[in-house]
Amino acid sequence: MSRRRHTPEQIITALREAEVGLARGKTVRMVIRELGISEQTY
């Protein structure tokens, strides 16, 4: 099974969502769980 690569647009969208979540007081752990990525990836 090959690894799925994200497009630059998908990465930018995820980073924006993470920034909004952090600004609203969520922890990094909560944000990455919602985005479905690992802490190392973030």
PDB file of N, CA and C in Angstrom:
ATOM      1  N   MET A   1       0.839  -1.167   0.000  1.00  0.00           N
ATOM      2  CA  MET A   1       0.000   0.000   0.000  1.00  0.00           C
ATOM      3  C   MET A   1       0.894   1.243   0.000  1.00  0.00           C
ATOM      4  N   SER A   2       0.662   2.136  -0.917  1.00  0.00           N
ATOM      5  CA  SER A   2       1.484   3.334  -1.010  1.00  0.00           C
ATOM      6  C   SER A   2       0.986   4.397  -0.032  1.00  0.00           C
ATOM      7  N   ARG A   3       1.890   5.282   0.326  1.00  0.00           N
ATOM      8  CA  ARG A   3       1.532   6.368   1.236  1.00  0.00           C
ATOM      9  C   ARG A   3       0.786   7.446   0.475  1.00  0.00           C
ATOM     10  N   ARG A   4      -0.169   8.044   1.130  1.00  0.00           N
ATOM     11  CA  ARG A   4      -0.956   9.111   0.519  1.00  0.00           C
ATOM     12  C   ARG A   4      -0.251  10.437   0.766  1.00  0.00           C
ATOM     13  N   ARG A   5      -0.067  11.188  -0.283  1.00  0.00           N
ATOM     14  CA  ARG A   5       0.552  12.502  -0.155  1.00  0.00           C
ATOM     15  C   ARG A   5      -0.532  13.558  -0.214  1.00  0.00           C
ATOM     16  N   HIS A   6      -0.394  14.544   0.613  1.00  0.00           N
ATOM     17  CA  HIS A   6      -1.362  15.636   0.643  1.00  0.00           C
ATOM     18  C   HIS A   6      -0.925  16.723  -0.328  1.00  0.00           C
ATOM     19  N   THR A   7      -1.897  17.363  -0.932  1.00  0.00           N
ATOM     20  CA  THR A   7      -1.598  18.473  -1.831  1.00  0.00           C
ATOM     21  C   THR A   7      -1.230  19.693  -0.993  1.00  0.00           C
ATOM     22  N   PRO A   8      -0.523  20.650  -1.579  1.00  0.00           N
ATOM     23  CA  PRO A   8      -0.199  21.869  -0.822  1.00  0.00           C
ATOM     24  C   PRO A   8      -1.447  22.574  -0.286  1.00  0.00           C
ATOM     25  N   GLU A   9      -2.522  22.548  -1.035  1.00  0.00           N
ATOM     26  CA  GLU A   9      -3.761  23.186  -0.584  1.00  0.00           C
ATOM     27  C   GLU A   9      -4.309  22.504   0.662  1.00  0.00           C
ATOM     28  N   GLN A  10      -4.243  21.173   0.701  1.00  0.00           N
ATOM     29  CA  GLN A  10      -4.722  20.434   1.863  1.00  0.00           C
ATOM     30  C   GLN A  10      -3.866  20.743   3.094  1.00  0.00           C
ATOM     31  N   ILE A  11      -2.575  20.869   2.898  1.00  0.00           N
ATOM     32  CA  ILE A  11      -1.667  21.169   4.007  1.00  0.00           C
ATOM     33  C   ILE A  11      -1.950  22.561   4.557  1.00  0.00           C
ATOM     34  N   ILE A  12      -2.119  23.533   3.665  1.00  0.00           N
ATOM     35  CA  ILE A  12      -2.402  24.907   4.092  1.00  0.00           C
ATOM     36  C   ILE A  12      -3.716  24.973   4.851  1.00  0.00           C
ATOM     37  N   THR A  13      -4.725  24.269   4.352  1.00  0.00           N
ATOM     38  CA  THR A  13      -6.027  24.250   5.024  1.00  0.00           C
ATOM     39  C   THR A  13      -5.902  23.663   6.427  1.00  0.00           C
ATOM     40  N   ALA A  14      -5.167  22.561   6.559  1.00  0.00           N
ATOM     41  CA  ALA A  14      -4.994  21.928   7.864  1.00  0.00           C
ATOM     42  C   ALA A  14      -4.251  22.850   8.825  1.00  0.00           C
ATOM     43  N   LEU A  15      -3.228  23.539   8.332  1.00  0.00           N
ATOM     44  CA  LEU A  15      -2.481  24.453   9.199  1.00  0.00           C
ATOM     45  C   LEU A  15      -3.339  25.629   9.640  1.00  0.00           C
ATOM     46  N   ARG A  16      -4.187  26.120   8.754  1.00  0.00           N
ATOM     47  CA  ARG A  16      -5.097  27.215   9.130  1.00  0.00           C
ATOM     48  C   ARG A  16      -6.090  26.749  10.188  1.00  0.00           C
ATOM     49  N   GLU A  17      -6.633  25.545  10.003  1.00  0.00           N
ATOM     50  CA  GLU A  17      -7.568  24.999  10.990  1.00  0.00           C
ATOM     51  C   GLU A  17      -6.873  24.822  12.334  1.00  0.00           C
ATOM     52  N   ALA A  18      -5.626  24.375  12.306  1.00  0.00           N
ATOM     53  CA  ALA A  18      -4.872  24.200  13.545  1.00  0.00           C
ATOM     54  C   ALA A  18      -4.659  25.541  14.231  1.00  0.00           C
ATOM     55  N   GLU A  19      -4.323  26.553  13.456  1.00  0.00           N
ATOM     56  CA  GLU A  19      -4.097  27.887  14.019  1.00  0.00           C
ATOM     57  C   GLU A  19      -5.363  28.436  14.669  1.00  0.00           C
ATOM     58  N   VAL A  20      -6.495  28.235  14.024  1.00  0.00           N
ATOM     59  CA  VAL A  20      -7.770  28.698  14.582  1.00  0.00           C
ATOM     60  C   VAL A  20      -8.078  27.946  15.873  1.00  0.00           C
ATOM     61  N   GLY A  21      -7.888  26.636  15.862  1.00  0.00           N
ATOM     62  CA  GLY A  21      -8.150  25.842  17.057  1.00  0.00           C
ATOM     63  C   GLY A  21      -7.284  26.260  18.228  1.00  0.00           C
ATOM     64  N   LEU A  22      -6.008  26.504  17.959  1.00  0.00           N
ATOM     65  CA  LEU A  22      -5.104  26.939  19.027  1.00  0.00           C
ATOM     66  C   LEU A  22      -5.488  28.317  19.539  1.00  0.00           C
ATOM     67  N   ALA A  23      -5.922  29.193  18.650  1.00  0.00           N
ATOM     68  CA  ALA A  23      -6.336  30.538  19.060  1.00  0.00           C
ATOM     69  C   ALA A  23      -7.586  30.490  19.930  1.00  0.00           C
ATOM     70  N   ARG A  24      -8.398  29.471  19.733  1.00  0.00           N
ATOM     71  CA  ARG A  24      -9.620  29.325  20.534  1.00  0.00           C
ATOM     72  C   ARG A  24      -9.368  28.610  21.849  1.00  0.00           C
ATOM     73  N   GLY A  25      -8.117  28.297  22.136  1.00  0.00           N
ATOM     74  CA  GLY A  25      -7.774  27.719  23.425  1.00  0.00           C
ATOM     75  C   GLY A  25      -7.652  26.210  23.453  1.00  0.00           C
ATOM     76  N   LYS A  26      -7.729  25.565  22.307  1.00  0.00           N
ATOM     77  CA  LYS A  26      -7.561  24.115  22.278  1.00  0.00           C
ATOM     78  C   LYS A  26      -6.082  23.779  22.423  1.00  0.00           C
ATOM     79  N   THR A  27      -5.816  22.598  22.943  1.00  0.00           N
ATOM     80  CA  THR A  27      -4.434  22.151  23.059  1.00  0.00           C
ATOM     81  C   THR A  27      -3.976  21.577  21.725  1.00  0.00           C
ATOM     82  N   VAL A  28      -2.659  21.473  21.571  1.00  0.00           N
ATOM     83  CA  VAL A  28      -2.106  20.893  20.341  1.00  0.00           C
ATOM     84  C   VAL A  28      -2.620  19.471  20.174  1.00  0.00           C
ATOM     85  N   ARG A  29      -2.675  18.734  21.259  1.00  0.00           N
ATOM     86  CA  ARG A  29      -3.146  17.348  21.197  1.00  0.00           C
ATOM     87  C   ARG A  29      -4.574  17.264  20.670  1.00  0.00           C
ATOM     88  N   MET A  30      -5.443  18.177  21.116  1.00  0.00           N
ATOM     89  CA  MET A  30      -6.831  18.186  20.642  1.00  0.00           C
ATOM     90  C   MET A  30      -6.895  18.537  19.158  1.00  0.00           C
ATOM     91  N   VAL A  31      -6.102  19.522  18.752  1.00  0.00           N
ATOM     92  CA  VAL A  31      -6.123  19.979  17.364  1.00  0.00           C
ATOM     93  C   VAL A  31      -5.651  18.878  16.422  1.00  0.00           C
ATOM     94  N   ILE A  32      -4.528  18.242  16.741  1.00  0.00           N
ATOM     95  CA  ILE A  32      -4.015  17.221  15.826  1.00  0.00           C
ATOM     96  C   ILE A  32      -4.923  15.999  15.790  1.00  0.00           C
ATOM     97  N   ARG A  33      -5.593  15.719  16.884  1.00  0.00           N
ATOM     98  CA  ARG A  33      -6.535  14.604  16.889  1.00  0.00           C
ATOM     99  C   ARG A  33      -7.698  14.892  15.945  1.00  0.00           C
ATOM    100  N   GLU A  34      -8.189  16.140  15.958  1.00  0.00           N
ATOM    101  CA  GLU A  34      -9.281  16.526  15.065  1.00  0.00           C
ATOM    102  C   GLU A  34      -8.849  16.487  13.604  1.00  0.00           C
ATOM    103  N   LEU A  35      -7.596  16.854  13.346  1.00  0.00           N
ATOM    104  CA  LEU A  35      -7.092  16.870  11.976  1.00  0.00           C
ATOM    105  C   LEU A  35      -6.689  15.479  11.488  1.00  0.00           C
ATOM    106  N   GLY A  36      -6.509  14.556  12.409  1.00  0.00           N
ATOM    107  CA  GLY A  36      -6.142  13.196  12.029  1.00  0.00           C
ATOM    108  C   GLY A  36      -4.681  13.056  11.644  1.00  0.00           C
ATOM    109  N   ILE A  37      -3.823  13.856  12.282  1.00  0.00           N
ATOM    110  CA  ILE A  37      -2.393  13.765  12.013  1.00  0.00           C
ATOM    111  C   ILE A  37      -1.658  13.477  13.310  1.00  0.00           C
ATOM    112  N   SER A  38      -0.396  13.050  13.183  1.00  0.00           N
ATOM    113  CA  SER A  38       0.379  12.741  14.380  1.00  0.00           C
ATOM    114  C   SER A  38       1.089  13.988  14.887  1.00  0.00           C
ATOM    115  N   GLU A  39       1.540  13.907  16.117  1.00  0.00           N
ATOM    116  CA  GLU A  39       2.244  15.041  16.710  1.00  0.00           C
ATOM    117  C   GLU A  39       3.562  15.297  15.977  1.00  0.00           C
ATOM    118  N   GLN A  40       4.214  14.248  15.507  1.00  0.00           N
ATOM    119  CA  GLN A  40       5.459  14.399  14.761  1.00  0.00           C
ATOM    120  C   GLN A  40       5.217  15.099  13.428  1.00  0.00           C
ATOM    121  N   THR A  41       4.075  14.825  12.806  1.00  0.00           N
ATOM    122  CA  THR A  41       3.748  15.456  11.532  1.00  0.00           C
ATOM    123  C   THR A  41       3.485  16.931  11.717  1.00  0.00           C
ATOM    124  N   TYR A  42       2.817  17.276  12.816  1.00  0.00           N
ATOM    125  CA  TYR A  42       2.494  18.680  13.073  1.00  0.00           C
ATOM    126  C   TYR A  42       3.743  19.422  13.434  1.00  0.00           C
TER     127      TYR A  42
END
